[in-house]
Amino acid sequence: VRDAWVRLLPPSVKTTAAYLTLSSTQLDRLIAVESSIAEKVEMHESVMENGMMSMSQIPSVLLTENVDARLSPQGKHLMMIGLKRPLVKGESIELKLKFEKNDALIVNAIVEQR
């Protein structure tokens, strides 16, 4: 896992997004994500349809052998819904990534304003 970060938004906003890059040496799927700072974390994908950007929930993120799976703005990303408190720039947010084949992985994502 590389470049894990969470978008800093105003304190009144109770939803934000997290981004990261995943790589694997075998075929696998990211099937769930948890964080103690949010009521739930969903995997979403933004797509351009008829000139408008839309976002929908996806069940998993495919990890292909030796190919990066990039979760980024305007693409696949993690929606952190129901934030339990305001985020602070520079703090580290723990994300628990659950995979179909591999063991769960704990990742620290830095809150940034990009």
PDB file of N, CA and C in Angstrom:
ATOM      1  N   VAL A   1       0.858  -1.176   0.000  1.00  0.00           N
ATOM      2  CA  VAL A   1       0.000   0.000   0.000  1.00  0.00           C
ATOM      3  C   VAL A   1       0.895   1.227   0.000  1.00  0.00           C
ATOM      4  N   ARG A   2       0.592   2.167  -0.892  1.00  0.00           N
ATOM      5  CA  ARG A   2       1.362   3.407  -0.991  1.00  0.00           C
ATOM      6  C   ARG A   2       0.424   4.601  -1.036  1.00  0.00           C
ATOM      7  N   ASP A   3       0.945   5.735  -0.629  1.00  0.00           N
ATOM      8  CA  ASP A   3       0.278   7.033  -0.751  1.00  0.00           C
ATOM      9  C   ASP A   3      -1.159   7.025  -0.216  1.00  0.00           C
ATOM     10  N   ALA A   4      -1.340   6.536   0.997  1.00  0.00           N
ATOM     11  CA  ALA A   4      -2.674   6.509   1.608  1.00  0.00           C
ATOM     12  C   ALA A   4      -2.964   7.860   2.247  1.00  0.00           C
ATOM     13  N   TRP A   5      -4.072   8.486   1.840  1.00  0.00           N
ATOM     14  CA  TRP A   5      -4.443   9.775   2.405  1.00  0.00           C
ATOM     15  C   TRP A   5      -5.951   9.940   2.456  1.00  0.00           C
ATOM     16  N   VAL A   6      -6.388  10.821   3.340  1.00  0.00           N
ATOM     17  CA  VAL A   6      -7.806  11.126   3.539  1.00  0.00           C
ATOM     18  C   VAL A   6      -7.983  12.615   3.262  1.00  0.00           C
ATOM     19  N   ARG A   7      -9.031  12.947   2.513  1.00  0.00           N
ATOM     20  CA  ARG A   7      -9.271  14.345   2.158  1.00  0.00           C
ATOM     21  C   ARG A   7      -9.809  15.128   3.358  1.00  0.00           C
ATOM     22  N   LEU A   8      -9.155  16.253   3.649  1.00  0.00           N
ATOM     23  CA  LEU A   8      -9.609  17.167   4.698  1.00  0.00           C
ATOM     24  C   LEU A   8     -10.746  18.018   4.160  1.00  0.00           C
ATOM     25  N   LEU A   9     -11.880  17.999   4.849  1.00  0.00           N
ATOM     26  CA  LEU A   9     -13.045  18.808   4.492  1.00  0.00           C
ATOM     27  C   LEU A   9     -13.457  19.621   5.716  1.00  0.00           C
ATOM     28  N   PRO A  10     -14.337  20.624   5.542  1.00  0.00           N
ATOM     29  CA  PRO A  10     -14.778  21.415   6.694  1.00  0.00           C
ATOM     30  C   PRO A  10     -15.375  20.523   7.785  1.00  0.00           C
ATOM     31  N   PRO A  11     -15.225  20.926   9.069  1.00  0.00           N
ATOM     32  CA  PRO A  11     -15.698  20.111  10.193  1.00  0.00           C
ATOM     33  C   PRO A  11     -17.188  19.769  10.154  1.00  0.00           C
ATOM     34  N   SER A  12     -17.991  20.580   9.496  1.00  0.00           N
ATOM     35  CA  SER A  12     -19.439  20.315   9.441  1.00  0.00           C
ATOM     36  C   SER A  12     -19.795  19.164   8.499  1.00  0.00           C
ATOM     37  N   VAL A  13     -18.875  18.790   7.611  1.00  0.00           N
ATOM     38  CA  VAL A  13     -19.113  17.709   6.649  1.00  0.00           C
ATOM     39  C   VAL A  13     -18.830  16.371   7.331  1.00  0.00           C
ATOM     40  N   LYS A  14     -19.779  15.460   7.280  1.00  0.00           N
ATOM     41  CA  LYS A  14     -19.664  14.178   7.979  1.00  0.00           C
ATOM     42  C   LYS A  14     -19.244  13.020   7.069  1.00  0.00           C
ATOM     43  N   THR A  15     -18.864  13.324   5.839  1.00  0.00           N
ATOM     44  CA  THR A  15     -18.412  12.311   4.883  1.00  0.00           C
ATOM     45  C   THR A  15     -17.158  12.835   4.192  1.00  0.00           C
ATOM     46  N   THR A  16     -16.197  11.951   3.979  1.00  0.00           N
ATOM     47  CA  THR A  16     -15.007  12.316   3.217  1.00  0.00           C
ATOM     48  C   THR A  16     -14.562  11.101   2.418  1.00  0.00           C
ATOM     49  N   ALA A  17     -13.448  11.220   1.716  1.00  0.00           N
ATOM     50  CA  ALA A  17     -12.943  10.116   0.906  1.00  0.00           C
ATOM     51  C   ALA A  17     -11.494   9.821   1.267  1.00  0.00           C
ATOM     52  N   ALA A  18     -11.127   8.564   1.100  1.00  0.00           N
ATOM     53  CA  ALA A  18      -9.748   8.129   1.294  1.00  0.00           C
ATOM     54  C   ALA A  18      -9.242   7.538  -0.008  1.00  0.00           C
ATOM     55  N   TYR A  19      -7.955   7.704  -0.221  1.00  0.00           N
ATOM     56  CA  TYR A  19      -7.330   7.268  -1.466  1.00  0.00           C
ATOM     57  C   TYR A  19      -6.034   6.538  -1.142  1.00  0.00           C
ATOM     58  N   LEU A  20      -5.638   5.608  -2.006  1.00  0.00           N
ATOM     59  CA  LEU A  20      -4.388   4.869  -1.828  1.00  0.00           C
ATOM     60  C   LEU A  20      -4.101   4.083  -3.086  1.00  0.00           C
ATOM     61  N   THR A  21      -2.910   3.541  -3.136  1.00  0.00           N
ATOM     62  CA  THR A  21      -2.516   2.671  -4.245  1.00  0.00           C
ATOM     63  C   THR A  21      -2.174   1.301  -3.669  1.00  0.00           C
ATOM     64  N   LEU A  22      -2.777   0.276  -4.247  1.00  0.00           N
ATOM     65  CA  LEU A  22      -2.569  -1.106  -3.815  1.00  0.00           C
ATOM     66  C   LEU A  22      -1.814  -1.869  -4.890  1.00  0.00           C
ATOM     67  N   SER A  23      -0.925  -2.747  -4.449  1.00  0.00           N
ATOM     68  CA  SER A  23      -0.299  -3.664  -5.398  1.00  0.00           C
ATOM     69  C   SER A  23      -0.221  -5.034  -4.739  1.00  0.00           C
ATOM     70  N   SER A  24      -0.233  -6.069  -5.564  1.00  0.00           N
ATOM     71  CA  SER A  24      -0.241  -7.442  -5.064  1.00  0.00           C
ATOM     72  C   SER A  24       0.567  -8.331  -5.996  1.00  0.00           C
ATOM     73  N   THR A  25       1.124  -9.378  -5.439  1.00  0.00           N
ATOM     74  CA  THR A  25       1.865 -10.332  -6.261  1.00  0.00           C
ATOM     75  C   THR A  25       0.968 -11.467  -6.747  1.00  0.00           C
ATOM     76  N   GLN A  26      -0.321 -11.406  -6.379  1.00  0.00           N
ATOM     77  CA  GLN A  26      -1.272 -12.424  -6.833  1.00  0.00           C
ATOM     78  C   GLN A  26      -2.641 -11.790  -7.043  1.00  0.00           C
ATOM     79  N   LEU A  27      -3.485 -12.472  -7.767  1.00  0.00           N
ATOM     80  CA  LEU A  27      -4.847 -12.014  -7.995  1.00  0.00           C
ATOM     81  C   LEU A  27      -5.609 -12.022  -6.667  1.00  0.00           C
ATOM     82  N   ASP A  28      -6.286 -10.923  -6.335  1.00  0.00           N
ATOM     83  CA  ASP A  28      -7.033 -10.810  -5.086  1.00  0.00           C
ATOM     84  C   ASP A  28      -8.076  -9.712  -5.260  1.00  0.00           C
ATOM     85  N   ARG A  29      -8.881  -9.505  -4.236  1.00  0.00           N
ATOM     86  CA  ARG A  29      -9.881  -8.442  -4.231  1.00  0.00           C
ATOM     87  C   ARG A  29      -9.911  -7.775  -2.869  1.00  0.00           C
ATOM     88  N   LEU A  30      -9.985  -6.452  -2.863  1.00  0.00           N
ATOM     89  CA  LEU A  30     -10.285  -5.703  -1.653  1.00  0.00           C
ATOM     90  C   LEU A  30     -11.798  -5.789  -1.501  1.00  0.00           C
ATOM     91  N   ILE A  31     -12.268  -6.388  -0.396  1.00  0.00           N
ATOM     92  CA  ILE A  31     -13.707  -6.640  -0.269  1.00  0.00           C
ATOM     93  C   ILE A  31     -14.391  -5.814   0.819  1.00  0.00           C
ATOM     94  N   ALA A  32     -13.619  -5.207   1.716  1.00  0.00           N
ATOM     95  CA  ALA A  32     -14.220  -4.385   2.767  1.00  0.00           C
ATOM     96  C   ALA A  32     -13.150  -3.512   3.400  1.00  0.00           C
ATOM     97  N   VAL A  33     -13.606  -2.380   3.956  1.00  0.00           N
ATOM     98  CA  VAL A  33     -12.711  -1.461   4.664  1.00  0.00           C
ATOM     99  C   VAL A  33     -13.439  -0.972   5.901  1.00  0.00           C
ATOM    100  N   GLU A  34     -12.710  -0.869   7.001  1.00  0.00           N
ATOM    101  CA  GLU A  34     -13.277  -0.357   8.247  1.00  0.00           C
ATOM    102  C   GLU A  34     -12.369   0.729   8.797  1.00  0.00           C
ATOM    103  N   SER A  35     -12.963   1.654   9.553  1.00  0.00           N
ATOM    104  CA  SER A  35     -12.202   2.669  10.272  1.00  0.00           C
ATOM    105  C   SER A  35     -12.992   3.067  11.505  1.00  0.00           C
ATOM    106  N   SER A  36     -12.307   3.179  12.625  1.00  0.00           N
ATOM    107  CA  SER A  36     -12.996   3.546  13.866  1.00  0.00           C
ATOM    108  C   SER A  36     -13.504   4.981  13.846  1.00  0.00           C
ATOM    109  N   ILE A  37     -13.024   5.792  12.917  1.00  0.00           N
ATOM    110  CA  ILE A  37     -13.436   7.195  12.866  1.00  0.00           C
ATOM    111  C   ILE A  37     -14.731   7.410  12.075  1.00  0.00           C
ATOM    112  N   ALA A  38     -15.184   6.385  11.344  1.00  0.00           N
ATOM    113  CA  ALA A  38     -16.394   6.507  10.519  1.00  0.00           C
ATOM    114  C   ALA A  38     -17.381   5.393  10.853  1.00  0.00           C
ATOM    115  N   GLU A  39     -18.667   5.711  10.722  1.00  0.00           N
ATOM    116  CA  GLU A  39     -19.687   4.686  10.950  1.00  0.00           C
ATOM    117  C   GLU A  39     -19.549   3.552   9.945  1.00  0.00           C
ATOM    118  N   LYS A  40     -19.208   3.905   8.703  1.00  0.00           N
ATOM    119  CA  LYS A  40     -18.962   2.877   7.686  1.00  0.00           C
ATOM    120  C   LYS A  40     -18.048   3.428   6.606  1.00  0.00           C
ATOM    121  N   VAL A  41     -17.392   2.511   5.917  1.00  0.00           N
ATOM    122  CA  VAL A  41     -16.535   2.857   4.785  1.00  0.00           C
ATOM    123  C   VAL A  41     -17.005   2.019   3.605  1.00  0.00           C
ATOM    124  N   GLU A  42     -17.327   2.689   2.506  1.00  0.00           N
ATOM    125  CA  GLU A  42     -17.788   2.009   1.294  1.00  0.00           C
ATOM    126  C   GLU A  42     -16.803   2.251   0.166  1.00  0.00           C
ATOM    127  N   MET A  43     -16.715   1.288  -0.736  1.00  0.00           N
ATOM    128  CA  MET A  43     -15.921   1.452  -1.947  1.00  0.00           C
ATOM    129  C   MET A  43     -16.838   2.030  -3.022  1.00  0.00           C
ATOM    130  N   HIS A  44     -16.375   3.086  -3.672  1.00  0.00           N
ATOM    131  CA  HIS A  44     -17.167   3.773  -4.692  1.00  0.00           C
ATOM    132  C   HIS A  44     -16.330   3.966  -5.941  1.00  0.00           C
ATOM    133  N   GLU A  45     -17.034   4.230  -7.031  1.00  0.00           N
ATOM    134  CA  GLU A  45     -16.379   4.564  -8.293  1.00  0.00           C
ATOM    135  C   GLU A  45     -17.098   5.738  -8.932  1.00  0.00           C
ATOM    136  N   SER A  46     -16.332   6.739  -9.341  1.00  0.00           N
ATOM    137  CA  SER A  46     -16.875   7.878 -10.076  1.00  0.00           C
ATOM    138  C   SER A  46     -16.681   7.614 -11.563  1.00  0.00           C
ATOM    139  N   VAL A  47     -17.732   7.855 -12.338  1.00  0.00           N
ATOM    140  CA  VAL A  47     -17.652   7.681 -13.792  1.00  0.00           C
ATOM    141  C   VAL A  47     -18.351   8.848 -14.478  1.00  0.00           C
ATOM    142  N   MET A  48     -17.861   9.196 -15.669  1.00  0.00           N
ATOM    143  CA  MET A  48     -18.469  10.250 -16.463  1.00  0.00           C
ATOM    144  C   MET A  48     -19.523   9.618 -17.366  1.00  0.00           C
ATOM    145  N   GLU A  49     -20.770  10.079 -17.230  1.00  0.00           N
ATOM    146  CA  GLU A  49     -21.875   9.586 -18.054  1.00  0.00           C
ATOM    147  C   GLU A  49     -22.628  10.768 -18.634  1.00  0.00           C
ATOM    148  N   ASN A  50     -22.737  10.824 -19.954  1.00  0.00           N
ATOM    149  CA  ASN A  50     -23.454  11.894 -20.638  1.00  0.00           C
ATOM    150  C   ASN A  50     -23.007  13.271 -20.171  1.00  0.00           C
ATOM    151  N   GLY A  51     -21.693  13.440 -20.001  1.00  0.00           N
ATOM    152  CA  GLY A  51     -21.151  14.725 -19.611  1.00  0.00           C
ATOM    153  C   GLY A  51     -21.298  15.062 -18.138  1.00  0.00           C
ATOM    154  N   MET A  52     -21.814  14.125 -17.331  1.00  0.00           N
ATOM    155  CA  MET A  52     -21.981  14.370 -15.900  1.00  0.00           C
ATOM    156  C   MET A  52     -21.254  13.297 -15.108  1.00  0.00           C
ATOM    157  N   MET A  53     -20.597  13.719 -14.027  1.00  0.00           N
ATOM    158  CA  MET A  53     -19.905  12.775 -13.153  1.00  0.00           C
ATOM    159  C   MET A  53     -20.923  12.169 -12.198  1.00  0.00           C
ATOM    160  N   SER A  54     -20.915  10.841 -12.095  1.00  0.00           N
ATOM    161  CA  SER A  54     -21.783  10.167 -11.127  1.00  0.00           C
ATOM    162  C   SER A  54     -20.941   9.194 -10.314  1.00  0.00           C
ATOM    163  N   MET A  55     -21.433   8.876  -9.131  1.00  0.00           N
ATOM    164  CA  MET A  55     -20.700   8.006  -8.231  1.00  0.00           C
ATOM    165  C   MET A  55     -21.614   6.875  -7.796  1.00  0.00           C
ATOM    166  N   SER A  56     -21.071   5.652  -7.759  1.00  0.00           N
ATOM    167  CA  SER A  56     -21.869   4.521  -7.292  1.00  0.00           C
ATOM    168  C   SER A  56     -21.000   3.594  -6.459  1.00  0.00           C
ATOM    169  N   GLN A  57     -21.649   2.871  -5.560  1.00  0.00           N
ATOM    170  CA  GLN A  57     -20.951   1.922  -4.707  1.00  0.00           C
ATOM    171  C   GLN A  57     -20.564   0.701  -5.534  1.00  0.00           C
ATOM    172  N   ILE A  58     -19.385   0.154  -5.255  1.00  0.00           N
ATOM    173  CA  ILE A  58     -18.928  -1.058  -5.917  1.00  0.00           C
ATOM    174  C   ILE A  58     -18.651  -2.112  -4.843  1.00  0.00           C
ATOM    175  N   PRO A  59     -18.784  -3.411  -5.170  1.00  0.00           N
ATOM    176  CA  PRO A  59     -18.625  -4.462  -4.162  1.00  0.00           C
ATOM    177  C   PRO A  59     -17.181  -4.773  -3.793  1.00  0.00           C
ATOM    178  N   SER A  60     -16.239  -4.470  -4.688  1.00  0.00           N
ATOM    179  CA  SER A  60     -14.842  -4.820  -4.432  1.00  0.00           C
ATOM    180  C   SER A  60     -13.938  -4.067  -5.399  1.00  0.00           C
ATOM    181  N   VAL A  61     -12.643  -4.157  -5.126  1.00  0.00           N
ATOM    182  CA  VAL A  61     -11.630  -3.603  -6.030  1.00  0.00           C
ATOM    183  C   VAL A  61     -10.705  -4.754  -6.403  1.00  0.00           C
ATOM    184  N   LEU A  62     -10.600  -5.030  -7.683  1.00  0.00           N
ATOM    185  CA  LEU A  62      -9.770  -6.114  -8.185  1.00  0.00           C
ATOM    186  C   LEU A  62      -8.295  -5.747  -8.100  1.00  0.00           C
ATOM    187  N   LEU A  63      -7.498  -6.662  -7.569  1.00  0.00           N
ATOM    188  CA  LEU A  63      -6.048  -6.513  -7.544  1.00  0.00           C
ATOM    189  C   LEU A  63      -5.478  -7.545  -8.497  1.00  0.00           C
ATOM    190  N   THR A  64      -4.830  -7.065  -9.539  1.00  0.00           N
ATOM    191  CA  THR A  64      -4.235  -7.932 -10.543  1.00  0.00           C
ATOM    192  C   THR A  64      -2.746  -8.081 -10.236  1.00  0.00           C
ATOM    193  N   GLU A  65      -2.227  -9.235 -10.480  1.00  0.00           N
ATOM    194  CA  GLU A  65      -0.829  -9.533 -10.190  1.00  0.00           C
ATOM    195  C   GLU A  65       0.118  -8.491 -10.797  1.00  0.00           C
ATOM    196  N   ASN A  66       0.907  -7.856  -9.921  1.00  0.00           N
ATOM    197  CA  ASN A  66       1.952  -6.900 -10.306  1.00  0.00           C
ATOM    198  C   ASN A  66       1.445  -5.673 -11.068  1.00  0.00           C
ATOM    199  N   VAL A  67       0.163  -5.314 -10.906  1.00  0.00           N
ATOM    200  CA  VAL A  67      -0.398  -4.116 -11.522  1.00  0.00           C
ATOM    201  C   VAL A  67      -1.023  -3.263 -10.414  1.00  0.00           C
ATOM    202  N   ASP A  68      -0.672  -1.990 -10.352  1.00  0.00           N
ATOM    203  CA  ASP A  68      -1.223  -1.115  -9.315  1.00  0.00           C
ATOM    204  C   ASP A  68      -2.720  -0.925  -9.480  1.00  0.00           C
ATOM    205  N   ALA A  69      -3.432  -0.977  -8.356  1.00  0.00           N
ATOM    206  CA  ALA A  69      -4.851  -0.596  -8.299  1.00  0.00           C
ATOM    207  C   ALA A  69      -4.868   0.747  -7.580  1.00  0.00           C
ATOM    208  N   ARG A  70      -5.142   1.813  -8.322  1.00  0.00           N
ATOM    209  CA  ARG A  70      -5.059   3.167  -7.769  1.00  0.00           C
ATOM    210  C   ARG A  70      -6.449   3.654  -7.407  1.00  0.00           C
ATOM    211  N   LEU A  71      -6.644   3.989  -6.142  1.00  0.00           N
ATOM    212  CA  LEU A  71      -7.884   4.609  -5.686  1.00  0.00           C
ATOM    213  C   LEU A  71      -7.593   6.096  -5.594  1.00  0.00           C
ATOM    214  N   SER A  72      -8.278   6.894  -6.418  1.00  0.00           N
ATOM    215  CA  SER A  72      -7.915   8.299  -6.571  1.00  0.00           C
ATOM    216  C   SER A  72      -9.158   9.156  -6.826  1.00  0.00           C
ATOM    217  N   PRO A  73      -9.023  10.477  -6.656  1.00  0.00           N
ATOM    218  CA  PRO A  73     -10.148  11.361  -6.975  1.00  0.00           C
ATOM    219  C   PRO A  73     -10.605  11.137  -8.428  1.00  0.00           C
ATOM    220  N   GLN A  74     -11.871  11.205  -8.671  1.00  0.00           N
ATOM    221  CA  GLN A  74     -12.511  10.972  -9.967  1.00  0.00           C
ATOM    222  C   GLN A  74     -12.375   9.537 -10.462  1.00  0.00           C
ATOM    223  N   GLY A  75     -12.085   8.596  -9.565  1.00  0.00           N
ATOM    224  CA  GLY A  75     -11.994   7.183  -9.920  1.00  0.00           C
ATOM    225  C   GLY A  75     -12.546   6.348  -8.779  1.00  0.00           C
ATOM    226  N   LYS A  76     -11.991   5.184  -8.595  1.00  0.00           N
ATOM    227  CA  LYS A  76     -12.362   4.362  -7.441  1.00  0.00           C
ATOM    228  C   LYS A  76     -11.790   5.015  -6.195  1.00  0.00           C
ATOM    229  N   HIS A  77     -12.547   4.959  -5.098  1.00  0.00           N
ATOM    230  CA  HIS A  77     -12.116   5.574  -3.848  1.00  0.00           C
ATOM    231  C   HIS A  77     -12.898   4.983  -2.684  1.00  0.00           C
ATOM    232  N   LEU A  78     -12.499   5.337  -1.478  1.00  0.00           N
ATOM    233  CA  LEU A  78     -13.171   4.874  -0.273  1.00  0.00           C
ATOM    234  C   LEU A  78     -13.964   6.028   0.320  1.00  0.00           C
ATOM    235  N   MET A  79     -15.270   5.851   0.467  1.00  0.00           N
ATOM    236  CA  MET A  79     -16.120   6.869   1.087  1.00  0.00           C
ATOM    237  C   MET A  79     -16.219   6.562   2.576  1.00  0.00           C
ATOM    238  N   MET A  80     -15.791   7.512   3.381  1.00  0.00           N
ATOM    239  CA  MET A  80     -15.872   7.396   4.835  1.00  0.00           C
ATOM    240  C   MET A  80     -17.127   8.148   5.271  1.00  0.00           C
ATOM    241  N   ILE A  81     -18.143   7.402   5.672  1.00  0.00           N
ATOM    242  CA  ILE A  81     -19.481   7.941   5.910  1.00  0.00           C
ATOM    243  C   ILE A  81     -19.780   7.978   7.411  1.00  0.00           C
ATOM    244  N   GLY A  82     -20.344   9.094   7.855  1.00  0.00           N
ATOM    245  CA  GLY A  82     -20.689   9.236   9.262  1.00  0.00           C
ATOM    246  C   GLY A  82     -19.469   9.445  10.136  1.00  0.00           C
ATOM    247  N   LEU A  83     -18.661  10.444   9.791  1.00  0.00           N
ATOM    248  CA  LEU A  83     -17.472  10.730  10.608  1.00  0.00           C
ATOM    249  C   LEU A  83     -17.884  11.018  12.038  1.00  0.00           C
ATOM    250  N   LYS A  84     -17.174  10.444  12.970  1.00  0.00           N
ATOM    251  CA  LYS A  84     -17.522  10.559  14.388  1.00  0.00           C
ATOM    252  C   LYS A  84     -16.968  11.822  15.036  1.00  0.00           C
ATOM    253  N   ARG A  85     -16.020  12.473  14.342  1.00  0.00           N
ATOM    254  CA  ARG A  85     -15.455  13.733  14.824  1.00  0.00           C
ATOM    255  C   ARG A  85     -14.787  14.433  13.645  1.00  0.00           C
ATOM    256  N   PRO A  86     -14.526  15.729  13.787  1.00  0.00           N
ATOM    257  CA  PRO A  86     -13.823  16.442  12.705  1.00  0.00           C
ATOM    258  C   PRO A  86     -12.395  15.903  12.541  1.00  0.00           C
ATOM    259  N   LEU A  87     -11.915  15.912  11.321  1.00  0.00           N
ATOM    260  CA  LEU A  87     -10.549  15.495  11.036  1.00  0.00           C
ATOM    261  C   LEU A  87      -9.601  16.680  11.212  1.00  0.00           C
ATOM    262  N   VAL A  88      -8.335  16.375  11.477  1.00  0.00           N
ATOM    263  CA  VAL A  88      -7.321  17.397  11.676  1.00  0.00           C
ATOM    264  C   VAL A  88      -6.207  17.175  10.654  1.00  0.00           C
ATOM    265  N   LYS A  89      -5.830  18.238   9.951  1.00  0.00           N
ATOM    266  CA  LYS A  89      -4.772  18.143   8.945  1.00  0.00           C
ATOM    267  C   LYS A  89      -3.504  17.552   9.563  1.00  0.00           C
ATOM    268  N   GLY A  90      -2.938  16.552   8.892  1.00  0.00           N
ATOM    269  CA  GLY A  90      -1.708  15.922   9.336  1.00  0.00           C
ATOM    270  C   GLY A  90      -1.889  14.715  10.235  1.00  0.00           C
ATOM    271  N   GLU A  91      -3.103  14.508  10.754  1.00  0.00           N
ATOM    272  CA  GLU A  91      -3.301  13.341  11.628  1.00  0.00           C
ATOM    273  C   GLU A  91      -3.336  12.060  10.802  1.00  0.00           C
ATOM    274  N   SER A  92      -3.105  10.949  11.477  1.00  0.00           N
ATOM    275  CA  SER A  92      -3.092   9.641  10.850  1.00  0.00           C
ATOM    276  C   SER A  92      -4.401   8.910  11.174  1.00  0.00           C
ATOM    277  N   ILE A  93      -5.074   8.432  10.138  1.00  0.00           N
ATOM    278  CA  ILE A  93      -6.330   7.704  10.285  1.00  0.00           C
ATOM    279  C   ILE A  93      -6.068   6.238   9.942  1.00  0.00           C
ATOM    280  N   GLU A  94      -6.471   5.340  10.827  1.00  0.00           N
ATOM    281  CA  GLU A  94      -6.263   3.912  10.606  1.00  0.00           C
ATOM    282  C   GLU A  94      -7.390   3.336   9.755  1.00  0.00           C
ATOM    283  N   LEU A  95      -7.012   2.613   8.719  1.00  0.00           N
ATOM    284  CA  LEU A  95      -7.955   1.902   7.855  1.00  0.00           C
ATOM    285  C   LEU A  95      -7.620   0.413   7.920  1.00  0.00           C
ATOM    286  N   LYS A  96      -8.632  -0.405   8.107  1.00  0.00           N
ATOM    287  CA  LYS A  96      -8.439  -1.862   8.077  1.00  0.00           C
ATOM    288  C   LYS A  96      -8.959  -2.364   6.737  1.00  0.00           C
ATOM    289  N   LEU A  97      -8.048  -2.854   5.902  1.00  0.00           N
ATOM    290  CA  LEU A  97      -8.391  -3.358   4.575  1.00  0.00           C
ATOM    291  C   LEU A  97      -8.576  -4.867   4.652  1.00  0.00           C
ATOM    292  N   LYS A  98      -9.712  -5.346   4.151  1.00  0.00           N
ATOM    293  CA  LYS A  98      -9.993  -6.780   4.157  1.00  0.00           C
ATOM    294  C   LYS A  98     -10.000  -7.295   2.723  1.00  0.00           C
ATOM    295  N   PHE A  99      -9.318  -8.420   2.536  1.00  0.00           N
ATOM    296  CA  PHE A  99      -9.149  -8.995   1.210  1.00  0.00           C
ATOM    297  C   PHE A  99      -9.835 -10.349   1.104  1.00  0.00           C
ATOM    298  N   GLU A 100     -10.127 -10.739  -0.112  1.00  0.00           N
ATOM    299  CA  GLU A 100     -10.761 -12.030  -0.367  1.00  0.00           C
ATOM    300  C   GLU A 100      -9.823 -13.185  -0.016  1.00  0.00           C
ATOM    301  N   LYS A 101      -8.545 -13.088  -0.387  1.00  0.00           N
ATOM    302  CA  LYS A 101      -7.609 -14.187  -0.194  1.00  0.00           C
ATOM    303  C   LYS A 101      -6.585 -13.921   0.905  1.00  0.00           C
ATOM    304  N   ASN A 102      -6.066 -12.728   0.981  1.00  0.00           N
ATOM    305  CA  ASN A 102      -5.006 -12.407   1.928  1.00  0.00           C
ATOM    306  C   ASN A 102      -5.562 -11.930   3.258  1.00  0.00           C
ATOM    307  N   ASP A 103      -4.701 -11.927   4.269  1.00  0.00           N
ATOM    308  CA  ASP A 103      -5.074 -11.437   5.593  1.00  0.00           C
ATOM    309  C   ASP A 103      -5.386  -9.939   5.535  1.00  0.00           C
ATOM    310  N   ALA A 104      -6.154  -9.488   6.512  1.00  0.00           N
ATOM    311  CA  ALA A 104      -6.462  -8.054   6.624  1.00  0.00           C
ATOM    312  C   ALA A 104      -5.170  -7.282   6.850  1.00  0.00           C
ATOM    313  N   LEU A 105      -5.192  -6.025   6.439  1.00  0.00           N
ATOM    314  CA  LEU A 105      -4.023  -5.165   6.518  1.00  0.00           C
ATOM    315  C   LEU A 105      -4.427  -3.840   7.153  1.00  0.00           C
ATOM    316  N   ILE A 106      -3.678  -3.382   8.139  1.00  0.00           N
ATOM    317  CA  ILE A 106      -3.920  -2.084   8.764  1.00  0.00           C
ATOM    318  C   ILE A 106      -3.037  -1.050   8.075  1.00  0.00           C
ATOM    319  N   VAL A 107      -3.651   0.045   7.622  1.00  0.00           N
ATOM    320  CA  VAL A 107      -2.948   1.111   6.914  1.00  0.00           C
ATOM    321  C   VAL A 107      -3.217   2.423   7.625  1.00  0.00           C
ATOM    322  N   ASN A 108      -2.209   3.266   7.721  1.00  0.00           N
ATOM    323  CA  ASN A 108      -2.378   4.604   8.269  1.00  0.00           C
ATOM    324  C   ASN A 108      -2.409   5.602   7.120  1.00  0.00           C
ATOM    325  N   ALA A 109      -3.515   6.337   7.021  1.00  0.00           N
ATOM    326  CA  ALA A 109      -3.703   7.332   5.976  1.00  0.00           C
ATOM    327  C   ALA A 109      -3.620   8.723   6.601  1.00  0.00           C
ATOM    328  N   ILE A 110      -2.858   9.605   5.987  1.00  0.00           N
ATOM    329  CA  ILE A 110      -2.657  10.954   6.515  1.00  0.00           C
ATOM    330  C   ILE A 110      -3.750  11.885   5.985  1.00  0.00           C
ATOM    331  N   VAL A 111      -4.310  12.695   6.878  1.00  0.00           N
ATOM    332  CA  VAL A 111      -5.330  13.679   6.488  1.00  0.00           C
ATOM    333  C   VAL A 111      -4.619  14.837   5.796  1.00  0.00           C
ATOM    334  N   GLU A 112      -5.010  15.106   4.553  1.00  0.00           N
ATOM    335  CA  GLU A 112      -4.382  16.142   3.748  1.00  0.00           C
ATOM    336  C   GLU A 112      -5.425  16.966   3.017  1.00  0.00           C
ATOM    337  N   GLN A 113      -5.030  18.158   2.620  1.00  0.00           N
ATOM    338  CA  GLN A 113      -5.891  19.037   1.825  1.00  0.00           C
ATOM    339  C   GLN A 113      -5.277  19.139   0.440  1.00  0.00           C
ATOM    340  N   ARG A 114      -5.639  18.200  -0.434  1.00  0.00           N
ATOM    341  CA  ARG A 114      -5.080  18.175  -1.802  1.00  0.00           C
ATOM    342  C   ARG A 114      -6.115  18.673  -2.780  1.00  0.00           C
TER     343      ARG A 114
END
